[in-house]
Amino acid sequence: MDSPMKRLILLGLILINCSFVFADTLTLKSGHPDSYVVEKGDTLWDISAHFLKDPWRWPKLWGVNPQIANPHLIYPGDRLTLVFIDGEPRLVVKPHIRKSPEGRKMAKDGAIPAVNLALINSYLIQNRVVDRDWFDELPMVLGGESESKHHIVGDVIYIQAELTVGDKFGVYEKGREFVSYEEGEDLGVEAILTASGRVIESGSVSKVRLLSNYRETVAGTRVMPIEEDSLMPAYFMPRAANLETPARVLASEKELREMGKLDVAYIDKGSIDGVEAGHVFSIYRDGVDVVINGSGQPVLPNERSSYETVLSSVSSDNSIKMPDVYRGKLMVFKVFDKTSMGLIMINERPVRVEDKLLTPDALLVSE
């Protein structure tokens, strides 16, 4: 191989390596402080937002500080100081020390979380997405001791199955049926928790006393065990999602037309696609197609004539796709087989169903 070719290959390798280094470099926010005192109600995400353009990357911001390897070691009153180690920004902590012989004492639940877990706690023990046929085979509520059609806390309901006395069950009603955006694949049915109860008598028809209710329980709803793995994890470690194909926003949990910060959304990818709790996505709206008309002028979709619409569908020469529009960031907190639930952490524009979910911008390599 001649010398110029070697130099060209070497230059290419250097550029590729530099692009990855650049992509993984933390970018500080303009006007960031040099230090910050942790306050009650703060989250790791919130604190990082004071320093970083991409606050979800807080693990890297604190990556070399062994005191914060466990985020539960950060408490209100601690002072965080921004330093640079090998050219990279890092936060180090100076624990708050009380002026008393006992020193620093904090309640076990006093440490700040990665995100405000109260926002999503109810979703982790409520909504699920399950196989439709599987749901239809679950034991069914037949009625209850009360003559009312609607049952609430304290009521005893009858279940069409032999259940074990003492076991705790959730009562679920069938919600929306989901299909994927691209292929129209069946993704499952939404199971919505209406109540919880404990088995007090077993038989071919078992009795369950209701312990809590989110909605009134009616005949025809289904029951399934409340499992430990549906409860709140200790904390979420955010990291970039990187799927082979983009995910899509499937639905709003509250059936809203538009979603914003701290709203919950279903997405059309799950564990079989490689999605995990803590995965962060950038949200985009697909760029529109602009048609060039007979006069050489660009025409937006809502301004097209029927002829121009047909023209755009049959000829790419007359249609130009505009860039995708950035909407915000979403972090996954609960994962099912084919779908997941995520919390919108940042939104610059309203998020809608069918919006596209991609690897976060900061980790994309420039071409």
Protein backbone atom coordinates (compact mmCIF):
# COMPACT_ATOMS: atom_id res chain seq x y z
CA MET A 1 0.00 0.00 0.00
CA ASP A 2 1.46 3.40 -0.94
CA SER A 3 2.17 6.11 1.60
CA PRO A 4 -0.66 8.52 0.54
CA MET A 5 -3.21 5.70 0.96
CA LYS A 6 -1.87 4.88 4.43
CA ARG A 7 -2.11 8.53 5.42
CA LEU A 8 -5.69 8.69 4.10
CA ILE A 9 -6.75 5.61 6.10
CA LEU A 10 -5.03 6.93 9.23
CA LEU A 11 -6.77 10.29 8.84
CA GLY A 12 -10.12 8.52 8.43
CA LEU A 13 -9.58 6.48 11.63
CA ILE A 14 -8.65 9.63 13.55
CA LEU A 15 -11.76 11.45 12.33
CA ILE A 16 -14.03 8.52 13.26
CA ASN A 17 -12.46 8.29 16.70
CA CYS A 18 -12.79 12.03 17.22
CA SER A 19 -16.46 11.96 16.24
CA PHE A 20 -17.17 9.35 18.91
CA VAL A 21 -15.21 11.32 21.50
CA PHE A 22 -17.09 14.48 20.58
CA ALA A 23 -20.42 12.67 20.69
CA ASP A 24 -19.72 11.40 24.20
CA THR A 25 -18.43 14.72 25.57
CA LEU A 26 -20.55 16.42 28.20
CA THR A 27 -21.72 19.88 27.15
CA LEU A 28 -22.11 22.39 29.97
CA LYS A 29 -25.07 24.73 29.97
CA SER A 30 -24.39 28.41 29.29
CA GLY A 31 -24.32 30.35 32.55
CA HIS A 32 -24.03 27.23 34.70
CA PRO A 33 -23.16 27.69 38.41
CA ASP A 34 -19.86 26.56 39.94
CA SER A 35 -21.63 24.89 42.85
CA TYR A 36 -25.09 23.96 44.06
CA VAL A 37 -26.59 23.18 47.46
CA VAL A 38 -29.04 20.28 47.33
CA GLU A 39 -32.58 21.17 48.41
CA LYS A 40 -35.45 19.02 49.57
CA GLY A 41 -37.50 17.92 46.57
CA ASP A 42 -34.53 17.97 44.16
CA THR A 43 -33.80 15.06 41.83
CA LEU A 44 -30.53 14.09 40.17
CA TRP A 45 -32.08 15.00 36.83
CA ASP A 46 -33.13 18.44 38.13
CA ILE A 47 -29.68 19.17 39.60
CA SER A 48 -27.94 18.15 36.38
CA ALA A 49 -30.20 20.53 34.46
CA HIS A 50 -28.43 23.41 36.24
CA PHE A 51 -25.12 22.28 34.73
CA LEU A 52 -25.74 20.22 31.56
CA LYS A 53 -27.55 20.69 28.23
CA ASP A 54 -28.46 16.98 28.51
CA PRO A 55 -29.45 16.47 32.19
CA TRP A 56 -30.23 12.77 31.69
CA ARG A 57 -26.47 12.24 31.46
CA TRP A 58 -25.96 12.85 35.18
CA PRO A 59 -24.27 9.42 35.71
CA LYS A 60 -21.33 10.58 33.55
CA LEU A 61 -21.23 13.97 35.29
CA TRP A 62 -20.66 12.14 38.59
CA GLY A 63 -18.96 9.09 37.11
CA VAL A 64 -15.55 9.44 38.80
CA ASN A 65 -16.86 10.30 42.26
CA PRO A 66 -17.15 7.09 44.32
CA GLN A 67 -19.26 8.91 46.90
CA ILE A 68 -22.06 9.24 44.35
CA ALA A 69 -21.80 5.79 42.80
CA ASN A 70 -25.01 5.23 44.74
CA PRO A 71 -27.34 8.22 44.20
CA HIS A 72 -28.93 7.59 47.59
CA LEU A 73 -25.83 9.15 49.16
CA ILE A 74 -26.87 12.66 48.09
CA TYR A 75 -28.95 14.52 50.66
CA PRO A 76 -30.51 17.95 51.09
CA GLY A 77 -27.85 20.32 52.42
CA ASP A 78 -24.97 18.67 50.52
CA ARG A 79 -22.90 21.11 48.45
CA LEU A 80 -22.04 19.94 44.91
CA THR A 81 -19.01 21.59 43.33
CA LEU A 82 -18.18 21.57 39.61
CA VAL A 83 -14.56 20.58 38.89
CA PHE A 84 -12.66 19.40 35.82
CA ILE A 85 -10.80 16.08 35.80
CA ASP A 86 -8.73 15.30 32.69
CA GLY A 87 -10.64 18.07 30.93
CA GLU A 88 -14.05 16.56 31.72
CA PRO A 89 -16.62 18.29 34.00
CA ARG A 90 -17.42 16.41 37.19
CA LEU A 91 -19.49 17.11 40.30
CA VAL A 92 -18.01 16.31 43.71
CA VAL A 93 -19.98 16.37 46.92
CA LYS A 94 -19.25 17.91 50.30
CA PRO A 95 -21.68 16.30 52.76
CA HIS A 96 -23.70 18.57 55.02
CA ILE A 97 -22.50 18.15 58.62
CA ARG A 98 -24.83 19.11 61.43
CA LYS A 99 -23.34 21.11 64.32
CA SER A 100 -24.04 18.40 66.84
CA PRO A 101 -22.15 15.45 68.38
CA GLU A 102 -24.22 13.04 66.31
CA GLY A 103 -22.89 14.47 63.04
CA ARG A 104 -24.78 13.80 59.81
CA LYS A 105 -28.01 11.90 60.34
CA MET A 106 -30.51 11.36 57.58
CA ALA A 107 -33.66 9.29 57.33
CA LYS A 108 -33.36 6.29 55.04
CA ASP A 109 -35.84 7.87 52.64
CA GLY A 110 -34.20 11.30 52.80
CA ALA A 111 -31.79 10.80 49.88
CA ILE A 112 -32.79 12.42 46.60
CA PRO A 113 -33.93 10.17 43.71
CA ALA A 114 -32.88 10.21 40.06
CA VAL A 115 -36.34 11.41 39.02
CA ASN A 116 -39.49 12.27 40.95
CA LEU A 117 -40.71 8.72 41.52
CA ALA A 118 -44.03 9.94 42.90
CA LEU A 119 -44.97 10.94 39.34
CA ILE A 120 -44.91 7.35 38.12
CA ASN A 121 -45.42 5.23 41.23
CA SER A 122 -49.09 4.57 40.49
CA TYR A 123 -48.32 3.42 36.93
CA LEU A 124 -45.86 0.78 38.14
CA ILE A 125 -48.56 -1.05 40.05
CA GLN A 126 -51.48 -0.23 37.75
CA ASN A 127 -51.50 -0.22 33.97
CA ARG A 128 -50.00 -3.13 32.04
CA VAL A 129 -50.05 -4.24 28.42
CA VAL A 130 -50.68 -7.98 28.03
CA ASP A 131 -51.60 -10.51 25.35
CA ARG A 132 -55.29 -10.20 24.49
CA ASP A 133 -56.04 -13.95 24.53
CA TRP A 134 -54.14 -14.36 27.81
CA PHE A 135 -56.19 -11.58 29.41
CA ASP A 136 -59.47 -13.15 28.28
CA GLU A 137 -58.49 -16.42 30.02
CA LEU A 138 -57.93 -14.79 33.43
CA PRO A 139 -60.37 -15.55 36.29
CA MET A 140 -63.46 -13.34 36.05
CA VAL A 141 -65.43 -11.32 38.59
CA LEU A 142 -68.95 -12.76 38.71
CA GLY A 143 -70.48 -10.28 41.13
CA GLY A 144 -70.43 -9.75 44.89
CA GLU A 145 -72.23 -10.07 48.19
CA SER A 146 -73.65 -6.57 47.73
CA GLU A 147 -76.69 -6.29 45.48
CA SER A 148 -75.07 -3.27 43.84
CA LYS A 149 -73.49 -3.66 40.41
CA HIS A 150 -70.53 -1.59 41.60
CA HIS A 151 -68.19 -2.74 44.38
CA ILE A 152 -65.82 -0.65 46.50
CA VAL A 153 -63.34 -1.02 49.41
CA GLY A 154 -64.59 -3.48 52.05
CA ASP A 155 -66.98 -5.28 49.69
CA VAL A 156 -66.62 -9.01 49.01
CA ILE A 157 -66.58 -10.07 45.36
CA TYR A 158 -66.94 -13.53 43.78
CA ILE A 159 -64.21 -14.86 41.46
CA GLN A 160 -64.73 -17.69 38.97
CA ALA A 161 -61.66 -19.71 40.07
CA GLU A 162 -60.23 -21.67 42.98
CA LEU A 163 -57.79 -19.21 44.57
CA THR A 164 -55.49 -19.63 47.58
CA VAL A 165 -56.68 -18.02 50.82
CA GLY A 166 -54.44 -15.09 51.79
CA ASP A 167 -53.17 -14.35 48.26
CA LYS A 168 -53.47 -10.76 47.02
CA PHE A 169 -54.95 -10.03 43.60
CA GLY A 170 -55.48 -7.03 41.38
CA VAL A 171 -58.78 -6.51 39.56
CA TYR A 172 -58.29 -5.32 35.96
CA GLU A 173 -60.57 -4.05 33.23
CA LYS A 174 -59.73 -4.22 29.54
CA GLY A 175 -58.60 -0.95 27.99
CA ARG A 176 -57.31 -0.03 24.55
CA GLU A 177 -55.96 -2.51 22.01
CA PHE A 178 -52.58 -1.47 20.55
CA VAL A 179 -51.04 -2.14 17.13
CA SER A 180 -47.60 -1.08 15.87
CA TYR A 181 -47.24 2.02 13.72
CA GLU A 182 -45.21 0.47 10.90
CA GLU A 183 -46.48 -3.11 10.40
CA GLY A 184 -49.86 -2.99 12.17
CA GLU A 185 -48.69 -5.84 14.43
CA ASP A 186 -50.85 -6.72 17.43
CA LEU A 187 -49.00 -5.38 20.48
CA GLY A 188 -51.50 -6.38 23.16
CA VAL A 189 -54.29 -4.94 25.22
CA GLU A 190 -54.15 -2.38 28.03
CA ALA A 191 -55.03 -3.85 31.43
CA ILE A 192 -56.17 -1.13 33.87
CA LEU A 193 -56.14 -1.83 37.62
CA THR A 194 -59.49 -0.97 39.22
CA ALA A 195 -58.96 -2.47 42.68
CA SER A 196 -56.91 -4.81 44.85
CA GLY A 197 -58.12 -7.47 47.24
CA ARG A 198 -57.21 -10.51 49.31
CA VAL A 199 -58.71 -14.03 49.07
CA ILE A 200 -60.77 -14.82 52.19
CA GLU A 201 -62.46 -18.04 51.05
CA SER A 202 -61.47 -20.64 48.45
CA GLY A 203 -63.70 -22.80 46.29
CA SER A 204 -64.88 -23.24 42.73
CA VAL A 205 -66.09 -19.68 43.24
CA SER A 206 -63.69 -17.86 45.59
CA LYS A 207 -64.36 -14.81 47.75
CA VAL A 208 -62.08 -11.75 47.68
CA ARG A 209 -62.40 -8.76 50.01
CA LEU A 210 -61.48 -5.48 48.31
CA LEU A 211 -58.65 -3.60 50.04
CA SER A 212 -58.40 -0.58 47.72
CA ASN A 213 -60.06 0.74 44.61
CA TYR A 214 -59.15 3.20 41.84
CA ARG A 215 -62.43 2.65 40.04
CA GLU A 216 -65.58 0.79 41.02
CA THR A 217 -65.32 -2.97 40.39
CA VAL A 218 -67.98 -4.54 38.16
CA ALA A 219 -68.83 -8.05 36.94
CA GLY A 220 -66.79 -9.16 33.92
CA THR A 221 -63.49 -7.63 35.04
CA ARG A 222 -60.51 -9.98 35.47
CA VAL A 223 -58.10 -10.73 38.32
CA MET A 224 -54.41 -11.54 38.38
CA PRO A 225 -51.76 -11.66 41.13
CA ILE A 226 -50.02 -8.43 42.12
CA GLU A 227 -46.35 -9.29 41.66
CA GLU A 228 -43.30 -7.82 43.35
CA ASP A 229 -41.60 -7.01 40.03
CA SER A 230 -44.36 -4.51 39.27
CA LEU A 231 -43.34 -2.36 42.22
CA MET A 232 -41.04 0.67 42.21
CA PRO A 233 -37.34 -0.02 41.57
CA ALA A 234 -34.79 1.62 43.86
CA TYR A 235 -33.88 4.21 41.23
CA PHE A 236 -33.53 4.65 37.50
CA MET A 237 -30.10 4.86 35.88
CA PRO A 238 -30.71 6.79 32.63
CA ARG A 239 -28.73 5.70 29.56
CA ALA A 240 -29.06 6.12 25.83
CA ALA A 241 -31.48 3.84 23.99
CA ASN A 242 -30.08 2.56 20.72
CA LEU A 243 -32.52 0.40 18.75
CA GLU A 244 -32.07 -0.94 15.22
CA THR A 245 -35.32 0.68 14.12
CA PRO A 246 -36.98 3.80 15.58
CA ALA A 247 -39.72 3.41 18.15
CA ARG A 248 -42.97 5.41 17.97
CA VAL A 249 -45.22 7.04 20.53
CA LEU A 250 -48.14 4.65 20.66
CA ALA A 251 -50.61 6.45 22.91
CA SER A 252 -51.00 8.86 25.79
CA GLU A 253 -51.71 7.14 29.08
CA LYS A 254 -54.43 9.73 29.75
CA GLU A 255 -55.67 9.60 26.14
CA LEU A 256 -54.55 13.19 25.52
CA ARG A 257 -54.17 14.59 22.01
CA GLU A 258 -50.91 16.31 22.94
CA MET A 259 -48.47 15.50 25.75
CA GLY A 260 -45.96 17.63 27.64
CA LYS A 261 -43.38 17.43 30.39
CA LEU A 262 -44.07 14.73 33.03
CA ASP A 263 -46.89 13.14 31.00
CA VAL A 264 -46.77 9.36 30.56
CA ALA A 265 -46.78 7.75 27.10
CA TYR A 266 -46.89 4.21 25.74
CA ILE A 267 -44.28 3.37 23.06
CA ASP A 268 -44.41 0.57 20.49
CA LYS A 269 -41.20 -1.26 21.52
CA GLY A 270 -40.61 -3.55 24.49
CA SER A 271 -38.25 -6.09 26.01
CA ILE A 272 -38.14 -8.26 22.88
CA ASP A 273 -36.81 -5.19 21.00
CA GLY A 274 -34.13 -4.54 23.62
CA VAL A 275 -35.87 -1.73 25.55
CA GLU A 276 -35.01 -1.50 29.26
CA ALA A 277 -36.12 0.69 32.17
CA GLY A 278 -33.94 3.81 32.21
CA HIS A 279 -33.54 4.02 28.42
CA VAL A 280 -33.70 7.61 27.16
CA PHE A 281 -35.00 8.56 23.70
CA SER A 282 -35.07 11.80 21.75
CA ILE A 283 -38.56 12.52 20.41
CA TYR A 284 -39.06 13.80 16.84
CA ARG A 285 -42.02 14.63 14.62
CA ASP A 286 -41.51 13.42 11.03
CA GLY A 287 -40.59 16.24 8.68
CA VAL A 288 -43.33 17.09 6.17
CA ASP A 289 -43.06 16.53 2.41
CA VAL A 290 -43.03 19.71 0.35
CA VAL A 291 -44.23 19.41 -3.27
CA ILE A 292 -42.78 21.58 -6.03
CA ASN A 293 -45.72 22.68 -8.21
CA GLY A 294 -45.80 23.44 -11.93
CA SER A 295 -44.61 27.00 -11.30
CA GLY A 296 -41.57 25.73 -9.37
CA GLN A 297 -42.97 26.89 -6.01
CA PRO A 298 -42.92 24.75 -2.81
CA VAL A 299 -46.36 23.73 -1.52
CA LEU A 300 -46.97 22.49 2.04
CA PRO A 301 -49.26 19.44 2.65
CA ASN A 302 -52.19 21.54 3.92
CA GLU A 303 -52.02 23.75 0.81
CA ARG A 304 -51.89 21.03 -1.87
CA SER A 305 -54.47 20.45 -4.55
CA SER A 306 -55.66 16.90 -5.20
CA TYR A 307 -53.37 16.77 -8.23
CA GLU A 308 -50.32 17.83 -6.18
CA THR A 309 -51.11 15.20 -3.54
CA VAL A 310 -51.19 12.48 -6.19
CA LEU A 311 -48.03 13.87 -7.75
CA SER A 312 -46.14 13.65 -4.43
CA SER A 313 -47.16 10.02 -3.95
CA VAL A 314 -46.00 8.82 -7.39
CA SER A 315 -42.92 10.93 -8.04
CA SER A 316 -40.10 11.65 -5.60
CA ASP A 317 -38.72 14.19 -8.07
CA ASN A 318 -41.49 16.63 -7.14
CA SER A 319 -41.46 15.92 -3.37
CA ILE A 320 -38.84 17.02 -0.86
CA LYS A 321 -38.87 15.79 2.75
CA MET A 322 -38.15 18.46 5.34
CA PRO A 323 -35.95 17.71 8.42
CA ASP A 324 -37.57 15.97 11.39
CA VAL A 325 -38.63 18.36 14.18
CA TYR A 326 -37.20 17.83 17.68
CA ARG A 327 -39.83 17.50 20.42
CA GLY A 328 -38.02 16.50 23.61
CA LYS A 329 -36.78 13.55 25.69
CA LEU A 330 -38.55 10.48 27.07
CA MET A 331 -37.28 8.03 29.71
CA VAL A 332 -38.67 4.49 29.88
CA PHE A 333 -39.72 3.35 33.36
CA LYS A 334 -41.78 0.20 32.74
CA VAL A 335 -41.28 -2.45 30.06
CA PHE A 336 -43.62 -5.12 28.71
CA ASP A 337 -42.97 -7.71 25.96
CA LYS A 338 -43.89 -5.53 22.96
CA THR A 339 -44.55 -2.11 24.50
CA SER A 340 -43.17 0.16 27.23
CA MET A 341 -44.22 3.17 29.30
CA GLY A 342 -42.12 6.32 29.43
CA LEU A 343 -42.09 9.68 31.18
CA ILE A 344 -41.60 12.80 29.06
CA MET A 345 -38.74 14.57 30.87
CA ILE A 346 -38.15 17.47 28.47
CA ASN A 347 -40.40 18.89 25.79
CA GLU A 348 -39.73 21.87 23.56
CA ARG A 349 -42.89 21.25 21.52
CA PRO A 350 -46.03 19.18 22.19
CA VAL A 351 -45.54 15.41 21.83
CA ARG A 352 -48.12 13.48 19.82
CA VAL A 353 -49.01 9.91 18.90
CA GLU A 354 -46.78 8.54 16.09
CA ASP A 355 -43.86 10.81 17.01
CA LYS A 356 -40.53 9.06 16.37
CA LEU A 357 -38.13 7.95 19.15
CA LEU A 358 -34.39 7.86 18.34
CA THR A 359 -31.00 7.57 20.03
CA PRO A 360 -30.46 10.79 22.04
CA ASP A 361 -28.87 13.52 19.97
CA ALA A 362 -25.76 13.95 22.11
CA LEU A 363 -24.63 10.41 21.33
CA LEU A 364 -25.26 10.49 17.59
CA VAL A 365 -22.05 10.45 15.53
CA SER A 366 -21.77 13.24 12.96
CA GLU A 367 -21.49 12.05 9.39
